[in-house]
Amino acid sequence: MNTTPPAPGTPPAAKWRSRLADTVRAVAAPVLCCALALLALTAWSRSGLANRPSSVSVSRGTLYRPLLDARTTAAFFRIDNTGPTDDTLVSVTSTATGPAVPARTRTRHGAGTMRMGVTLPVPAHSSVRMNASEQDVMVELRHPLRLGERVPFVLHFRYAGDVEAVAEVTAFGGPRPPVRPNAPAHDADG
């Protein structure tokens, strides 16, 4: 940028043109950068990639019936994110149970430690399957559970918002075979 003052005796019109030229040169670079950034943002927006949230669904909910009438148990879900944006499970609630808290288990040197109240990342275009050895939802129960009972939950995600899910009560360690109606009772003696 030319910052040298006009020579003494320069006509006023020439001084004015010199200052105008200096101002235009000083403003040209930032204006050009802003215009290019605006053009790039417009192209990104029109491509459909801007402001596309995660697309999260929750399925395969399982809630273990606790052993020995315990008051806490674990729930597990499959979370699918088919959207282009990573998301995070931040909390879980249920109107049918007491508090429900996401938890993560870490095992080192044969010993496991559980952290409660953690968040669970759900990367874009992926599935997360909760399991007892890594991540689950610890649930405090208000009443005993029956096998086959369906318990409603709401999983709260940072970007996708609230996603409703249902977990079916199964025996600890996996589902039991279905009971057949009218099946003969087994006698303990034979």
Protein backbone atom coordinates (compact mmCIF):
# COMPACT_ATOMS: atom_id res chain seq x y z
CA MET A 1 0.00 0.00 0.00
CA ASN A 2 1.36 3.41 -0.97
CA THR A 3 1.35 5.58 2.16
CA THR A 4 3.67 8.33 0.96
CA PRO A 5 1.92 11.67 0.97
CA PRO A 6 1.50 13.48 -2.34
CA ALA A 7 4.35 15.86 -3.24
CA PRO A 8 3.92 19.51 -2.22
CA GLY A 9 2.17 21.51 -4.86
CA THR A 10 0.11 18.55 -6.08
CA PRO A 11 -3.33 19.72 -7.21
CA PRO A 12 -6.22 18.80 -4.80
CA ALA A 13 -7.87 16.55 -7.38
CA ALA A 14 -4.68 14.49 -7.68
CA LYS A 15 -4.43 14.23 -3.87
CA TRP A 16 -8.01 12.98 -3.75
CA ARG A 17 -7.39 10.38 -6.49
CA SER A 18 -4.25 9.18 -4.69
CA ARG A 19 -6.11 8.71 -1.40
CA LEU A 20 -8.98 6.94 -3.19
CA ALA A 21 -6.54 4.56 -4.92
CA ASP A 22 -4.85 3.81 -1.56
CA THR A 23 -8.24 3.11 0.07
CA VAL A 24 -9.36 0.82 -2.76
CA ARG A 25 -6.11 -1.17 -2.51
CA ALA A 26 -6.45 -1.47 1.28
CA VAL A 27 -10.04 -2.70 1.08
CA ALA A 28 -9.69 -4.96 -1.98
CA ALA A 29 -7.92 -7.90 -0.30
CA PRO A 30 -10.36 -8.33 2.65
CA VAL A 31 -13.41 -7.86 0.40
CA LEU A 32 -12.06 -10.45 -2.06
CA CYS A 33 -11.40 -12.92 0.77
CA CYS A 34 -14.92 -12.43 2.16
CA ALA A 35 -16.45 -12.89 -1.29
CA LEU A 36 -14.52 -16.13 -1.85
CA ALA A 37 -15.52 -17.44 1.60
CA LEU A 38 -19.16 -16.59 0.94
CA LEU A 39 -18.98 -18.33 -2.43
CA ALA A 40 -17.47 -21.46 -0.84
CA LEU A 41 -20.11 -21.52 1.95
CA THR A 42 -22.89 -21.12 -0.61
CA ALA A 43 -21.54 -24.05 -2.63
CA TRP A 44 -21.24 -26.19 0.53
CA SER A 45 -24.78 -25.32 1.57
CA ARG A 46 -26.23 -26.06 -1.88
CA SER A 47 -24.40 -29.40 -2.01
CA GLY A 48 -26.61 -30.59 0.86
CA LEU A 49 -23.73 -31.17 3.27
CA ALA A 50 -24.36 -28.14 5.47
CA ASN A 51 -26.52 -28.48 8.55
CA ARG A 52 -27.20 -32.18 8.07
CA PRO A 53 -27.67 -33.65 11.53
CA SER A 54 -26.97 -37.15 12.63
CA SER A 55 -29.73 -39.65 11.90
CA VAL A 56 -29.95 -41.90 14.95
CA SER A 57 -32.21 -44.90 15.54
CA VAL A 58 -32.26 -47.23 18.53
CA SER A 59 -33.24 -50.91 18.41
CA ARG A 60 -32.70 -54.30 20.03
CA GLY A 61 -33.28 -53.08 23.56
CA THR A 62 -32.68 -55.66 26.26
CA LEU A 63 -33.09 -55.23 30.01
CA TYR A 64 -31.76 -57.98 32.28
CA ARG A 65 -34.05 -59.24 35.01
CA PRO A 66 -31.72 -59.01 38.01
CA LEU A 67 -30.71 -61.98 40.09
CA LEU A 68 -31.89 -62.39 43.68
CA ASP A 69 -34.37 -59.52 43.52
CA ALA A 70 -31.62 -56.91 43.20
CA ARG A 71 -32.79 -53.33 42.66
CA THR A 72 -30.33 -52.49 39.87
CA THR A 73 -29.74 -54.05 36.50
CA ALA A 74 -28.37 -53.23 33.04
CA ALA A 75 -30.04 -52.32 29.76
CA PHE A 76 -28.44 -52.65 26.33
CA PHE A 77 -29.33 -51.09 22.99
CA ARG A 78 -28.13 -51.03 19.41
CA ILE A 79 -27.65 -47.46 18.16
CA ASP A 80 -27.40 -46.79 14.41
CA ASN A 81 -26.25 -43.42 13.07
CA THR A 82 -26.89 -43.31 9.32
CA GLY A 83 -26.25 -39.56 9.09
CA PRO A 84 -23.06 -37.75 8.03
CA THR A 85 -22.48 -36.22 11.48
CA ASP A 86 -21.04 -37.84 14.62
CA ASP A 87 -23.34 -37.79 17.64
CA THR A 88 -23.13 -38.59 21.34
CA LEU A 89 -25.48 -40.35 23.74
CA VAL A 90 -25.54 -38.00 26.74
CA SER A 91 -28.24 -39.48 29.01
CA VAL A 92 -31.07 -41.98 29.30
CA THR A 93 -34.43 -41.74 31.07
CA SER A 94 -37.41 -44.01 31.62
CA THR A 95 -40.82 -43.32 33.11
CA ALA A 96 -41.11 -47.00 34.10
CA THR A 97 -37.91 -47.24 36.15
CA GLY A 98 -35.85 -45.19 38.53
CA PRO A 99 -32.68 -43.44 37.35
CA ALA A 100 -30.98 -44.80 34.22
CA VAL A 101 -27.32 -43.89 33.71
CA PRO A 102 -24.97 -44.68 30.80
CA ALA A 103 -21.92 -46.57 32.06
CA ARG A 104 -18.63 -47.77 30.62
CA THR A 105 -16.54 -50.71 31.85
CA ARG A 106 -12.79 -50.85 31.37
CA THR A 107 -10.77 -53.98 32.06
CA ARG A 108 -7.05 -53.81 32.81
CA HIS A 109 -4.90 -56.66 34.04
CA GLY A 110 -7.97 -58.81 34.66
CA ALA A 111 -9.77 -56.23 36.82
CA GLY A 112 -12.76 -54.21 35.65
CA THR A 113 -13.77 -50.71 36.65
CA MET A 114 -17.08 -49.06 35.82
CA ARG A 115 -17.58 -45.32 35.24
CA MET A 116 -21.13 -44.07 35.59
CA GLY A 117 -22.64 -41.04 33.86
CA VAL A 118 -20.37 -41.20 30.83
CA THR A 119 -21.23 -40.15 27.30
CA LEU A 120 -21.16 -42.62 24.43
CA PRO A 121 -19.84 -41.49 21.03
CA VAL A 122 -21.84 -42.66 18.02
CA PRO A 123 -19.76 -42.01 14.89
CA ALA A 124 -21.38 -41.10 11.57
CA HIS A 125 -22.34 -44.03 9.32
CA SER A 126 -21.85 -46.61 12.09
CA SER A 127 -23.55 -48.78 14.69
CA VAL A 128 -22.81 -49.08 18.38
CA ARG A 129 -23.89 -52.24 20.17
CA MET A 130 -23.93 -51.99 23.94
CA ASN A 131 -22.76 -55.05 25.86
CA ALA A 132 -21.95 -56.05 29.44
CA SER A 133 -18.18 -55.92 28.96
CA GLU A 134 -17.93 -52.40 27.50
CA GLN A 135 -20.93 -50.04 27.75
CA ASP A 136 -24.47 -50.30 29.01
CA VAL A 137 -27.17 -48.36 30.84
CA MET A 138 -27.35 -49.00 34.59
CA VAL A 139 -30.99 -48.93 35.72
CA GLU A 140 -32.45 -48.63 39.21
CA LEU A 141 -35.74 -50.51 39.41
CA ARG A 142 -38.95 -49.40 41.13
CA HIS A 143 -40.56 -52.85 41.00
CA PRO A 144 -39.59 -56.42 40.08
CA LEU A 145 -39.49 -57.21 36.36
CA ARG A 146 -41.31 -60.00 34.53
CA LEU A 147 -39.66 -61.89 31.68
CA GLY A 148 -40.93 -60.54 28.37
CA GLU A 149 -42.04 -57.21 29.89
CA ARG A 150 -41.40 -54.26 27.57
CA VAL A 151 -39.92 -51.20 29.30
CA PRO A 152 -39.91 -47.77 27.57
CA PHE A 153 -36.76 -45.64 27.52
CA VAL A 154 -35.76 -42.31 25.98
CA LEU A 155 -32.15 -41.96 24.86
CA HIS A 156 -30.99 -38.33 24.72
CA PHE A 157 -28.44 -37.48 22.02
CA ARG A 158 -26.45 -34.26 21.69
CA TYR A 159 -27.59 -33.54 18.11
CA ALA A 160 -30.34 -36.01 17.21
CA GLY A 161 -32.31 -35.11 20.34
CA ASP A 162 -34.59 -37.59 22.08
CA VAL A 163 -35.04 -41.06 20.61
CA GLU A 164 -37.63 -43.42 22.10
CA ALA A 165 -36.78 -47.09 22.53
CA VAL A 166 -38.18 -50.19 24.20
CA ALA A 167 -36.16 -52.83 26.05
CA GLU A 168 -37.52 -56.33 26.57
CA VAL A 169 -36.82 -58.00 29.90
CA THR A 170 -34.74 -61.15 29.51
CA ALA A 171 -33.03 -63.54 31.89
CA PHE A 172 -29.56 -62.52 33.02
CA GLY A 173 -27.09 -63.67 30.38
CA GLY A 174 -29.56 -63.95 27.53
CA PRO A 175 -33.09 -64.73 26.50
CA ARG A 176 -34.91 -67.80 27.79
CA PRO A 177 -36.73 -70.10 25.40
CA PRO A 178 -40.39 -69.19 25.03
CA VAL A 179 -42.86 -70.99 27.27
CA ARG A 180 -45.34 -73.04 25.23
CA PRO A 181 -48.92 -72.78 26.40
CA ASN A 182 -50.52 -76.10 27.27
CA ALA A 183 -47.12 -77.78 27.55
CA PRO A 184 -47.11 -80.65 30.03
CA ALA A 185 -45.58 -79.86 33.38
CA HIS A 186 -42.34 -81.67 34.16
CA ASP A 187 -42.39 -83.78 37.28
CA ALA A 188 -39.28 -83.47 39.44
CA ASP A 189 -39.24 -87.25 39.93
CA GLY A 190 -39.20 -88.27 36.40
